[in-house]
PDB file of N, CA and C in Angstrom:
ATOM      1  N   MET A   1      43.480-138.746 138.487  1.00  0.00           N
ATOM      2  CA  MET A   1      44.442-139.226 137.102  1.00  0.00           C
ATOM      3  C   MET A   1      46.092-138.436 137.575  1.00  0.00           C
ATOM      4  N   VAL A   2      45.791-137.278 137.544  1.00  0.00           N
ATOM      5  CA  VAL A   2      46.832-135.793 137.606  1.00  0.00           C
ATOM      6  C   VAL A   2      47.606-136.212 138.694  1.00  0.00           C
ATOM      7  N   THR A   3      47.483-136.775 139.799  1.00  0.00           N
ATOM      8  CA  THR A   3      48.074-136.997 140.895  1.00  0.00           C
ATOM      9  C   THR A   3      48.619-138.457 140.036  1.00  0.00           C
ATOM     10  N   ILE A   4      48.748-139.530 139.366  1.00  0.00           N
ATOM     11  CA  ILE A   4      49.128-140.123 138.740  1.00  0.00           C
ATOM     12  C   ILE A   4      50.253-139.414 138.043  1.00  0.00           C
ATOM     13  N   VAL A   5      50.051-139.382 137.191  1.00  0.00           N
ATOM     14  CA  VAL A   5      51.066-138.573 136.325  1.00  0.00           C
ATOM     15  C   VAL A   5      51.623-138.027 136.965  1.00  0.00           C
ATOM     16  N   LEU A   6      51.546-137.352 137.930  1.00  0.00           N
ATOM     17  CA  LEU A   6      52.227-135.981 139.036  1.00  0.00           C
ATOM     18  C   LEU A   6      53.876-137.381 139.905  1.00  0.00           C
ATOM     19  N   ALA A   7      52.544-138.249 139.867  1.00  0.00           N
ATOM     20  CA  ALA A   7      53.894-139.319 141.425  1.00  0.00           C
ATOM     21  C   ALA A   7      54.852-139.587 139.867  1.00  0.00           C
ATOM     22  N   LEU A   8      54.521-140.035 138.362  1.00  0.00           N
ATOM     23  CA  LEU A   8      55.587-140.776 137.447  1.00  0.00           C
ATOM     24  C   LEU A   8      56.783-139.687 137.612  1.00  0.00           C
ATOM     25  N   VAL A   9      56.023-138.114 137.386  1.00  0.00           N
ATOM     26  CA  VAL A   9      57.050-136.940 136.755  1.00  0.00           C
ATOM     27  C   VAL A   9      57.894-137.319 137.936  1.00  0.00           C
ATOM     28  N   ILE A  10      57.379-136.724 138.934  1.00  0.00           N
ATOM     29  CA  ILE A  10      58.285-136.924 140.318  1.00  0.00           C
ATOM     30  C   ILE A  10      59.692-137.806 140.265  1.00  0.00           C
ATOM     31  N   GLY A  11      58.725-139.126 140.202  1.00  0.00           N
ATOM     32  CA  GLY A  11      59.435-140.705 140.180  1.00  0.00           C
ATOM     33  C   GLY A  11      60.286-140.144 139.052  1.00  0.00           C
ATOM     34  N   CYS A  12      60.250-139.853 138.066  1.00  0.00           N
ATOM     35  CA  CYS A  12      61.672-140.035 137.179  1.00  0.00           C
ATOM     36  C   CYS A  12      62.916-139.305 137.023  1.00  0.00           C
ATOM     37  N   HIS A  13      62.593-137.950 138.197  1.00  0.00           N
ATOM     38  CA  HIS A  13      63.397-136.987 137.938  1.00  0.00           C
ATOM     39  C   HIS A  13      63.951-137.326 139.584  1.00  0.00           C
ATOM     40  N   ALA A  14      63.653-137.813 140.126  1.00  0.00           N
ATOM     41  CA  ALA A  14      64.266-138.576 141.798  1.00  0.00           C
ATOM     42  C   ALA A  14      65.804-138.941 141.681  1.00  0.00           C
ATOM     43  N   ASP A  15      65.850-139.821 140.709  1.00  0.00           N
ATOM     44  CA  ASP A  15      67.604-139.894 139.906  1.00  0.00           C
ATOM     45  C   ASP A  15      68.431-139.231 139.596  1.00  0.00           C
ATOM     46  N   VAL A  16      68.103-137.808 138.939  1.00  0.00           N
ATOM     47  CA  VAL A  16      68.616-136.839 138.302  1.00  0.00           C
ATOM     48  C   VAL A  16      69.466-135.774 139.627  1.00  0.00           C
ATOM     49  N   LYS A  17      70.191-136.027 138.983  1.00  0.00           N
ATOM     50  CA  LYS A  17      71.655-135.207 139.852  1.00  0.00           C
ATOM     51  C   LYS A  17      72.158-133.711 138.890  1.00  0.00           C
ATOM     52  N   THR A  18      71.916-132.804 139.877  1.00  0.00           N
ATOM     53  CA  THR A  18      72.280-131.695 138.432  1.00  0.00           C
ATOM     54  C   THR A  18      73.476-130.457 139.751  1.00  0.00           C
ATOM     55  N   GLY A  19      73.954-129.723 139.225  1.00  0.00           N
ATOM     56  CA  GLY A  19      74.864-129.196 139.545  1.00  0.00           C
ATOM     57  C   GLY A  19      75.528-127.919 138.720  1.00  0.00           C
ATOM     58  N   ALA A  20      75.800-126.692 139.175  1.00  0.00           N
ATOM     59  CA  ALA A  20      76.751-125.878 138.568  1.00  0.00           C
ATOM     60  C   ALA A  20      77.993-125.133 140.189  1.00  0.00           C
ATOM     61  N   GLU A  21      78.940-125.411 139.205  1.00  0.00           N
ATOM     62  CA  GLU A  21      80.022-124.532 140.166  1.00  0.00           C
ATOM     63  C   GLU A  21      80.795-123.557 139.341  1.00  0.00           C
ATOM     64  N   THR A  22      81.717-122.480 139.836  1.00  0.00           N
ATOM     65  CA  THR A  22      82.330-121.477 139.438  1.00  0.00           C
ATOM     66  C   THR A  22      83.642-122.235 140.402  1.00  0.00           C
ATOM     67  N   VAL A  23      84.674-121.988 139.902  1.00  0.00           N
ATOM     68  CA  VAL A  23      85.965-122.250 140.417  1.00  0.00           C
ATOM     69  C   VAL A  23      87.140-121.580 140.260  1.00  0.00           C
ATOM     70  N   ASN A  24      88.343-120.699 140.816  1.00  0.00           N
ATOM     71  CA  ASN A  24      89.494-120.202 139.994  1.00  0.00           C
ATOM     72  C   ASN A  24      90.469-121.531 140.460  1.00  0.00           C
ATOM     73  N   LEU A  25      90.766-121.208 139.463  1.00  0.00           N
ATOM     74  CA  LEU A  25      92.017-122.937 138.401  1.00  0.00           C
ATOM     75  C   LEU A  25      93.474-121.913 138.542  1.00  0.00           C
ATOM     76  N   TRP A  26      94.474-121.859 139.608  1.00  0.00           N
ATOM     77  CA  TRP A  26      95.330-121.591 139.937  1.00  0.00           C
ATOM     78  C   TRP A  26      96.395-122.049 138.636  1.00  0.00           C
ATOM     79  N   THR A  27      97.622-121.427 138.408  1.00  0.00           N
ATOM     80  CA  THR A  27      98.246-121.612 137.524  1.00  0.00           C
ATOM     81  C   THR A  27      99.312-122.999 138.077  1.00  0.00           C
ATOM     82  N   ASN A  28      99.037-124.334 137.347  1.00  0.00           N
ATOM     83  CA  ASN A  28      99.608-125.204 137.224  1.00  0.00           C
ATOM     84  C   ASN A  28      98.936-125.888 138.319  1.00  0.00           C
ATOM     85  N   LYS A  29      97.657-125.592 138.273  1.00  0.00           N
ATOM     86  CA  LYS A  29      96.606-126.643 139.499  1.00  0.00           C
ATOM     87  C   LYS A  29      95.428-127.327 138.564  1.00  0.00           C
ATOM     88  N   MET A  30      94.723-127.848 139.365  1.00  0.00           N
ATOM     89  CA  MET A  30      93.776-128.469 138.896  1.00  0.00           C
ATOM     90  C   MET A  30      92.813-128.581 139.533  1.00  0.00           C
ATOM     91  N   PHE A  31      92.011-129.142 139.111  1.00  0.00           N
ATOM     92  CA  PHE A  31      90.127-129.089 139.826  1.00  0.00           C
ATOM     93  C   PHE A  31      89.538-130.414 139.387  1.00  0.00           C
ATOM     94  N   GLU A  32      88.891-131.386 140.298  1.00  0.00           N
ATOM     95  CA  GLU A  32      88.365-132.035 139.546  1.00  0.00           C
ATOM     96  C   GLU A  32      86.666-132.261 140.293  1.00  0.00           C
ATOM     97  N   LYS A  33      86.452-132.726 139.852  1.00  0.00           N
ATOM     98  CA  LYS A  33      84.302-133.003 140.498  1.00  0.00           C
ATOM     99  C   LYS A  33      84.242-134.700 139.299  1.00  0.00           C
ATOM    100  N   CYS A  34      83.936-135.263 140.581  1.00  0.00           N
ATOM    101  CA  CYS A  34      84.152-137.030 140.421  1.00  0.00           C
ATOM    102  C   CYS A  34      82.854-137.647 140.217  1.00  0.00           C
ATOM    103  N   PHE A  35      82.132-138.221 140.267  1.00  0.00           N
ATOM    104  CA  PHE A  35      81.208-139.046 140.104  1.00  0.00           C
ATOM    105  C   PHE A  35      80.652-140.229 139.651  1.00  0.00           C
ATOM    106  N   ASP A  36      80.313-140.800 140.709  1.00  0.00           N
ATOM    107  CA  ASP A  36      79.873-142.748 140.858  1.00  0.00           C
ATOM    108  C   ASP A  36      78.733-143.087 139.846  1.00  0.00           C
ATOM    109  N   LEU A  37      79.417-143.457 138.490  1.00  0.00           N
ATOM    110  CA  LEU A  37      79.053-143.348 137.969  1.00  0.00           C
ATOM    111  C   LEU A  37      78.324-145.223 137.240  1.00  0.00           C
ATOM    112  N   ALA A  38      76.976-145.809 137.015  1.00  0.00           N
ATOM    113  CA  ALA A  38      76.792-146.816 136.839  1.00  0.00           C
ATOM    114  C   ALA A  38      76.765-147.011 134.936  1.00  0.00           C
ATOM    115  N   GLU A  39      76.857-148.362 134.684  1.00  0.00           N
ATOM    116  CA  GLU A  39      76.598-148.326 133.208  1.00  0.00           C
ATOM    117  C   GLU A  39      75.374-148.210 132.917  1.00  0.00           C
ATOM    118  N   GLY A  40      74.535-147.207 131.393  1.00  0.00           N
ATOM    119  CA  GLY A  40      74.005-147.048 131.825  1.00  0.00           C
ATOM    120  C   GLY A  40      73.852-145.724 132.132  1.00  0.00           C
ATOM    121  N   GLU A  41      73.908-145.096 133.095  1.00  0.00           N
ATOM    122  CA  GLU A  41      73.974-143.939 133.110  1.00  0.00           C
ATOM    123  C   GLU A  41      74.120-142.991 131.971  1.00  0.00           C
ATOM    124  N   ARG A  42      74.394-141.145 132.441  1.00  0.00           N
ATOM    125  CA  ARG A  42      74.852-140.526 131.108  1.00  0.00           C
ATOM    126  C   ARG A  42      75.389-139.607 132.335  1.00  0.00           C
ATOM    127  N   LEU A  43      76.173-138.599 131.851  1.00  0.00           N
ATOM    128  CA  LEU A  43      76.619-136.990 132.823  1.00  0.00           C
ATOM    129  C   LEU A  43      76.426-136.532 131.237  1.00  0.00           C
ATOM    130  N   VAL A  44      76.217-135.549 131.487  1.00  0.00           N
ATOM    131  CA  VAL A  44      75.512-134.123 130.763  1.00  0.00           C
ATOM    132  C   VAL A  44      76.639-132.910 131.049  1.00  0.00           C
ATOM    133  N   TYR A  45      77.888-133.155 130.393  1.00  0.00           N
ATOM    134  CA  TYR A  45      78.741-131.071 130.798  1.00  0.00           C
ATOM    135  C   TYR A  45      78.329-131.011 130.624  1.00  0.00           C
ATOM    136  N   ARG A  46      78.844-128.990 130.547  1.00  0.00           N
ATOM    137  CA  ARG A  46      78.957-127.965 130.162  1.00  0.00           C
ATOM    138  C   ARG A  46      80.288-127.017 130.688  1.00  0.00           C
ATOM    139  N   PHE A  47      81.468-126.557 129.703  1.00  0.00           N
ATOM    140  CA  PHE A  47      82.190-125.305 131.018  1.00  0.00           C
ATOM    141  C   PHE A  47      82.605-124.677 130.180  1.00  0.00           C
ATOM    142  N   ASN A  48      83.017-123.741 130.700  1.00  0.00           N
ATOM    143  CA  ASN A  48      83.453-122.411 130.379  1.00  0.00           C
ATOM    144  C   ASN A  48      84.081-121.837 131.303  1.00  0.00           C
ATOM    145  N   ALA A  49      85.678-121.518 130.651  1.00  0.00           N
ATOM    146  CA  ALA A  49      86.598-120.950 130.962  1.00  0.00           C
ATOM    147  C   ALA A  49      87.657-120.013 130.604  1.00  0.00           C
ATOM    148  N   ASN A  50      87.726-118.700 131.580  1.00  0.00           N
ATOM    149  CA  ASN A  50      88.615-117.034 130.624  1.00  0.00           C
ATOM    150  C   ASN A  50      89.947-116.997 130.539  1.00  0.00           C
ATOM    151  N   GLY A  51      90.151-118.450 129.571  1.00  0.00           N
ATOM    152  CA  GLY A  51      91.310-119.095 129.004  1.00  0.00           C
ATOM    153  C   GLY A  51      91.513-120.491 128.291  1.00  0.00           C
ATOM    154  N   SER A  52      92.477-121.000 127.583  1.00  0.00           N
ATOM    155  CA  SER A  52      92.294-122.392 127.443  1.00  0.00           C
ATOM    156  C   SER A  52      92.984-123.276 128.734  1.00  0.00           C
ATOM    157  N   VAL A  53      92.326-124.313 129.114  1.00  0.00           N
ATOM    158  CA  VAL A  53      92.838-124.842 129.955  1.00  0.00           C
ATOM    159  C   VAL A  53      92.532-126.742 129.479  1.00  0.00           C
ATOM    160  N   LEU A  54      93.146-127.114 130.051  1.00  0.00           N
ATOM    161  CA  LEU A  54      93.383-129.117 129.623  1.00  0.00           C
ATOM    162  C   LEU A  54      92.497-129.854 130.440  1.00  0.00           C
ATOM    163  N   PHE A  55      91.555-130.400 129.751  1.00  0.00           N
ATOM    164  CA  PHE A  55      90.128-131.187 129.991  1.00  0.00           C
ATOM    165  C   PHE A  55      90.390-132.124 129.761  1.00  0.00           C
ATOM    166  N   ASN A  56      89.815-132.984 130.961  1.00  0.00           N
ATOM    167  CA  ASN A  56      89.774-134.931 130.245  1.00  0.00           C
ATOM    168  C   ASN A  56      88.727-135.283 131.034  1.00  0.00           C
ATOM    169  N   ILE A  57      88.269-136.474 131.251  1.00  0.00           N
ATOM    170  CA  ILE A  57      87.794-137.837 131.632  1.00  0.00           C
ATOM    171  C   ILE A  57      88.122-138.977 132.063  1.00  0.00           C
ATOM    172  N   HIS A  58      88.386-139.129 132.973  1.00  0.00           N
ATOM    173  CA  HIS A  58      89.053-140.086 133.337  1.00  0.00           C
ATOM    174  C   HIS A  58      88.352-141.122 134.731  1.00  0.00           C
ATOM    175  N   HIS A  59      88.688-142.988 134.805  1.00  0.00           N
ATOM    176  CA  HIS A  59      88.533-143.435 136.265  1.00  0.00           C
ATOM    177  C   HIS A  59      89.520-143.900 136.371  1.00  0.00           C
ATOM    178  N   HIS A  60      90.124-144.157 137.734  1.00  0.00           N
ATOM    179  CA  HIS A  60      91.266-144.854 138.156  1.00  0.00           C
ATOM    180  C   HIS A  60      90.812-146.627 138.078  1.00  0.00           C
ATOM    181  N   GLN A  61      91.854-147.853 137.739  1.00  0.00           N
ATOM    182  CA  GLN A  61      91.435-148.823 138.014  1.00  0.00           C
ATOM    183  C   GLN A  61      92.614-149.472 138.466  1.00  0.00           C
ATOM    184  N   GLN A  62      92.844-149.546 139.618  1.00  0.00           N
ATOM    185  CA  GLN A  62      93.705-149.478 140.631  1.00  0.00           C
ATOM    186  C   GLN A  62      94.806-148.800 140.384  1.00  0.00           C
ATOM    187  N   LYS A  63      96.507-149.133 140.239  1.00  0.00           N
ATOM    188  CA  LYS A  63      96.750-147.707 140.492  1.00  0.00           C
ATOM    189  C   LYS A  63      96.973-146.882 138.977  1.00  0.00           C
ATOM    190  N   GLU A  64      96.283-147.679 137.858  1.00  0.00           N
ATOM    191  CA  GLU A  64      96.412-146.778 136.525  1.00  0.00           C
ATOM    192  C   GLU A  64      95.039-145.767 136.209  1.00  0.00           C
ATOM    193  N   VAL A  65      94.995-144.896 135.836  1.00  0.00           N
ATOM    194  CA  VAL A  65      94.317-143.656 135.253  1.00  0.00           C
ATOM    195  C   VAL A  65      93.939-144.025 133.797  1.00  0.00           C
ATOM    196  N   ILE A  66      93.029-144.476 133.632  1.00  0.00           N
ATOM    197  CA  ILE A  66      92.339-144.594 132.441  1.00  0.00           C
ATOM    198  C   ILE A  66      91.674-143.178 131.919  1.00  0.00           C
ATOM    199  N   HIS A  67      92.116-142.242 131.029  1.00  0.00           N
ATOM    200  CA  HIS A  67      91.230-141.150 129.960  1.00  0.00           C
ATOM    201  C   HIS A  67      90.696-142.035 128.896  1.00  0.00           C
ATOM    202  N   VAL A  68      89.266-141.045 129.602  1.00  0.00           N
ATOM    203  CA  VAL A  68      88.124-141.587 128.636  1.00  0.00           C
ATOM    204  C   VAL A  68      87.922-140.326 127.417  1.00  0.00           C
ATOM    205  N   ILE A  69      88.406-138.956 127.882  1.00  0.00           N
ATOM    206  CA  ILE A  69      87.952-138.671 127.283  1.00  0.00           C
ATOM    207  C   ILE A  69      88.860-137.335 127.355  1.00  0.00           C
ATOM    208  N   SER A  70      90.079-137.143 126.425  1.00  0.00           N
ATOM    209  CA  SER A  70      91.020-135.977 126.498  1.00  0.00           C
ATOM    210  C   SER A  70      90.584-135.247 125.562  1.00  0.00           C
ATOM    211  N   GLU A  71      91.239-133.921 125.919  1.00  0.00           N
ATOM    212  CA  GLU A  71      91.278-132.315 125.420  1.00  0.00           C
ATOM    213  C   GLU A  71      92.144-131.635 125.894  1.00  0.00           C
ATOM    214  N   HIS A  72      92.691-130.910 125.030  1.00  0.00           N
ATOM    215  CA  HIS A  72      93.989-130.104 124.843  1.00  0.00           C
ATOM    216  C   HIS A  72      93.739-128.657 124.845  1.00  0.00           C
ATOM    217  N   LEU A  73      93.889-127.724 125.832  1.00  0.00           N
ATOM    218  CA  LEU A  73      93.868-126.306 125.643  1.00  0.00           C
ATOM    219  C   LEU A  73      92.588-125.922 124.947  1.00  0.00           C
ATOM    220  N   ILE A  74      91.497-125.734 125.539  1.00  0.00           N
ATOM    221  CA  ILE A  74      90.126-125.759 124.845  1.00  0.00           C
ATOM    222  C   ILE A  74      89.605-124.504 126.116  1.00  0.00           C
ATOM    223  N   ALA A  75      88.959-123.510 125.701  1.00  0.00           N
ATOM    224  CA  ALA A  75      88.273-122.987 126.987  1.00  0.00           C
ATOM    225  C   ALA A  75      86.843-123.029 127.024  1.00  0.00           C
ATOM    226  N   ARG A  76      86.497-124.075 126.371  1.00  0.00           N
ATOM    227  CA  ARG A  76      85.110-124.716 126.806  1.00  0.00           C
ATOM    228  C   ARG A  76      84.415-126.077 125.845  1.00  0.00           C
ATOM    229  N   SER A  77      83.343-126.318 126.011  1.00  0.00           N
ATOM    230  CA  SER A  77      83.165-127.433 125.813  1.00  0.00           C
ATOM    231  C   SER A  77      82.281-127.768 126.585  1.00  0.00           C
ATOM    232  N   SER A  78      81.260-128.677 125.574  1.00  0.00           N
ATOM    233  CA  SER A  78      80.112-129.687 126.114  1.00  0.00           C
ATOM    234  C   SER A  78      79.632-131.105 125.425  1.00  0.00           C
ATOM    235  N   GLY A  79      79.161-131.460 126.475  1.00  0.00           N
ATOM    236  CA  GLY A  79      78.530-133.031 125.887  1.00  0.00           C
ATOM    237  C   GLY A  79      78.460-134.089 126.665  1.00  0.00           C
ATOM    238  N   THR A  80      78.093-135.178 126.339  1.00  0.00           N
ATOM    239  CA  THR A  80      77.751-136.342 127.020  1.00  0.00           C
ATOM    240  C   THR A  80      78.421-137.691 127.112  1.00  0.00           C
ATOM    241  N   PHE A  81      78.790-138.251 127.854  1.00  0.00           N
ATOM    242  CA  PHE A  81      79.541-138.875 128.286  1.00  0.00           C
ATOM    243  C   PHE A  81      79.182-140.462 128.965  1.00  0.00           C
ATOM    244  N   GLU A  82      78.496-141.763 128.217  1.00  0.00           N
ATOM    245  CA  GLU A  82      77.735-142.543 128.887  1.00  0.00           C
ATOM    246  C   GLU A  82      79.097-144.015 129.219  1.00  0.00           C
ATOM    247  N   PRO A  83      79.089-143.791 130.620  1.00  0.00           N
ATOM    248  CA  PRO A  83      80.331-145.377 131.085  1.00  0.00           C
ATOM    249  C   PRO A  83      80.040-146.684 130.320  1.00  0.00           C
ATOM    250  N   HIS A  84      81.084-147.143 129.936  1.00  0.00           N
ATOM    251  CA  HIS A  84      80.836-148.604 129.258  1.00  0.00           C
ATOM    252  C   HIS A  84      80.741-149.580 130.439  1.00  0.00           C
ATOM    253  N   ILE A  85      81.806-149.201 131.806  1.00  0.00           N
ATOM    254  CA  ILE A  85      81.878-149.998 132.692  1.00  0.00           C
ATOM    255  C   ILE A  85      81.597-148.962 134.195  1.00  0.00           C
ATOM    256  N   SER A  86      81.036-149.490 135.149  1.00  0.00           N
ATOM    257  CA  SER A  86      80.278-149.306 136.660  1.00  0.00           C
ATOM    258  C   SER A  86      81.838-148.339 136.976  1.00  0.00           C
ATOM    259  N   ALA A  87      82.019-147.429 137.411  1.00  0.00           N
ATOM    260  CA  ALA A  87      83.438-146.763 137.921  1.00  0.00           C
ATOM    261  C   ALA A  87      83.070-145.262 138.903  1.00  0.00           C
ATOM    262  N   ARG A  88      84.125-145.008 139.288  1.00  0.00           N
ATOM    263  CA  ARG A  88      83.908-143.593 139.701  1.00  0.00           C
ATOM    264  C   ARG A  88      85.073-142.604 138.745  1.00  0.00           C
ATOM    265  N   TYR A  89      84.030-141.681 138.239  1.00  0.00           N
ATOM    266  CA  TYR A  89      84.880-141.022 136.868  1.00  0.00           C
ATOM    267  C   TYR A  89      84.601-139.619 137.592  1.00  0.00           C
ATOM    268  N   CYS A  90      86.350-138.855 137.061  1.00  0.00           N
ATOM    269  CA  CYS A  90      86.100-137.661 137.591  1.00  0.00           C
ATOM    270  C   CYS A  90      86.779-136.412 136.177  1.00  0.00           C
ATOM    271  N   LEU A  91      85.575-135.678 136.477  1.00  0.00           N
ATOM    272  CA  LEU A  91      85.912-134.127 135.098  1.00  0.00           C
ATOM    273  C   LEU A  91      87.165-133.994 135.808  1.00  0.00           C
ATOM    274  N   MET A  92      88.384-133.665 135.046  1.00  0.00           N
ATOM    275  CA  MET A  92      88.923-132.712 135.590  1.00  0.00           C
ATOM    276  C   MET A  92      90.138-131.664 134.843  1.00  0.00           C
ATOM    277  N   TRP A  93      90.011-130.502 135.425  1.00  0.00           N
ATOM    278  CA  TRP A  93      90.687-129.656 134.927  1.00  0.00           C
ATOM    279  C   TRP A  93      91.580-128.856 135.258  1.00  0.00           C
ATOM    280  N   THR A  94      93.100-128.626 134.416  1.00  0.00           N
ATOM    281  CA  THR A  94      94.232-128.508 134.660  1.00  0.00           C
ATOM    282  C   THR A  94      94.807-127.068 133.942  1.00  0.00           C
ATOM    283  N   ASN A  95      94.728-125.626 134.657  1.00  0.00           N
ATOM    284  CA  ASN A  95      95.754-124.616 133.934  1.00  0.00           C
ATOM    285  C   ASN A  95      96.911-124.788 133.814  1.00  0.00           C
ATOM    286  N   PRO A  96      97.472-124.893 132.719  1.00  0.00           N
ATOM    287  CA  PRO A  96      98.595-124.437 132.532  1.00  0.00           C
ATOM    288  C   PRO A  96      99.755-123.137 132.336  1.00  0.00           C
ATOM    289  N   ASN A  97      98.554-121.667 132.507  1.00  0.00           N
ATOM    290  CA  ASN A  97      98.994-120.664 131.797  1.00  0.00           C
ATOM    291  C   ASN A  97      99.709-120.146 133.497  1.00  0.00           C
ATOM    292  N   PRO A  98      99.880-118.757 132.881  1.00  0.00           N
ATOM    293  CA  PRO A  98     100.866-118.333 133.813  1.00  0.00           C
ATOM    294  C   PRO A  98      99.937-117.210 134.511  1.00  0.00           C
ATOM    295  N   HIS A  99      98.764-117.252 134.310  1.00  0.00           N
ATOM    296  CA  HIS A  99      97.553-116.422 135.015  1.00  0.00           C
ATOM    297  C   HIS A  99      96.566-117.598 135.068  1.00  0.00           C
ATOM    298  N   PRO A 100      95.659-117.117 136.134  1.00  0.00           N
ATOM    299  CA  PRO A 100      94.761-117.714 137.051  1.00  0.00           C
ATOM    300  C   PRO A 100      93.525-118.249 135.700  1.00  0.00           C
ATOM    301  N   ALA A 101      93.058-119.269 135.606  1.00  0.00           N
ATOM    302  CA  ALA A 101      91.571-118.870 135.108  1.00  0.00           C
ATOM    303  C   ALA A 101      90.560-119.304 135.809  1.00  0.00           C
ATOM    304  N   ARG A 102      89.213-118.568 135.426  1.00  0.00           N
ATOM    305  CA  ARG A 102      87.646-118.707 136.173  1.00  0.00           C
ATOM    306  C   ARG A 102      87.321-119.979 135.538  1.00  0.00           C
ATOM    307  N   LEU A 103      87.005-120.397 135.722  1.00  0.00           N
ATOM    308  CA  LEU A 103      86.505-121.921 134.860  1.00  0.00           C
ATOM    309  C   LEU A 103      84.649-122.283 135.665  1.00  0.00           C
ATOM    310  N   GLU A 104      83.836-121.578 134.989  1.00  0.00           N
ATOM    311  CA  GLU A 104      82.259-122.143 135.146  1.00  0.00           C
ATOM    312  C   GLU A 104      81.792-123.815 134.503  1.00  0.00           C
ATOM    313  N   PHE A 105      81.379-124.444 135.076  1.00  0.00           N
ATOM    314  CA  PHE A 105      80.658-125.635 134.524  1.00  0.00           C
ATOM    315  C   PHE A 105      79.256-126.143 134.772  1.00  0.00           C
ATOM    316  N   GLU A 106      78.619-126.823 134.742  1.00  0.00           N
ATOM    317  CA  GLU A 106      77.327-127.204 134.777  1.00  0.00           C
ATOM    318  C   GLU A 106      77.334-128.620 134.560  1.00  0.00           C
ATOM    319  N   TYR A 107      76.404-130.305 135.264  1.00  0.00           N
ATOM    320  CA  TYR A 107      76.587-130.734 135.225  1.00  0.00           C
ATOM    321  C   TYR A 107      74.895-131.495 135.422  1.00  0.00           C
ATOM    322  N   THR A 108      75.086-132.714 134.836  1.00  0.00           N
ATOM    323  CA  THR A 108      73.598-133.701 135.126  1.00  0.00           C
ATOM    324  C   THR A 108      73.859-135.267 135.032  1.00  0.00           C
ATOM    325  N   VAL A 109      73.610-135.862 135.779  1.00  0.00           N
ATOM    326  CA  VAL A 109      73.717-137.177 135.753  1.00  0.00           C
ATOM    327  C   VAL A 109      72.420-137.742 135.612  1.00  0.00           C
ATOM    328  N   ARG A 110      71.906-138.212 134.640  1.00  0.00           N
ATOM    329  CA  ARG A 110      70.864-139.763 134.381  1.00  0.00           C
ATOM    330  C   ARG A 110      70.829-140.863 134.456  1.00  0.00           C
TER     331      ARG A 110
END
C-alpha cells in the first residue's frame, strides 16, 4: 500500500517544472524567461527587484506580440497565470532606470 501511494505522489510531481533565478537588469535592457504552456497548465510566479521594473507576460502570434498581463513600474509581484490557448509564453522584465536592478524570481509550471 505504501509503495502504491509513493508511486502516485512521485507520478503527480513528475510534470512539475520549478526554478529560481537571480539576474542583473542593466539600464534599458530586458530579460525574458519563456515556457511552453498548454491549455490547462498553470504558471505560478513571484519576483522581487531592488527597483521598479516594467513587467509583462506575453506570447507571439506570428509577428504580433500578445500581452496577457502587463504591469508597469513595480518592484515585486506574484500570481498565477492560466493560458487560454497553448503557446510559448514569456515573463519579461525591462529596467527603465538609470541604474542596474537586481531581479530575483521563482516559478512553477503545473
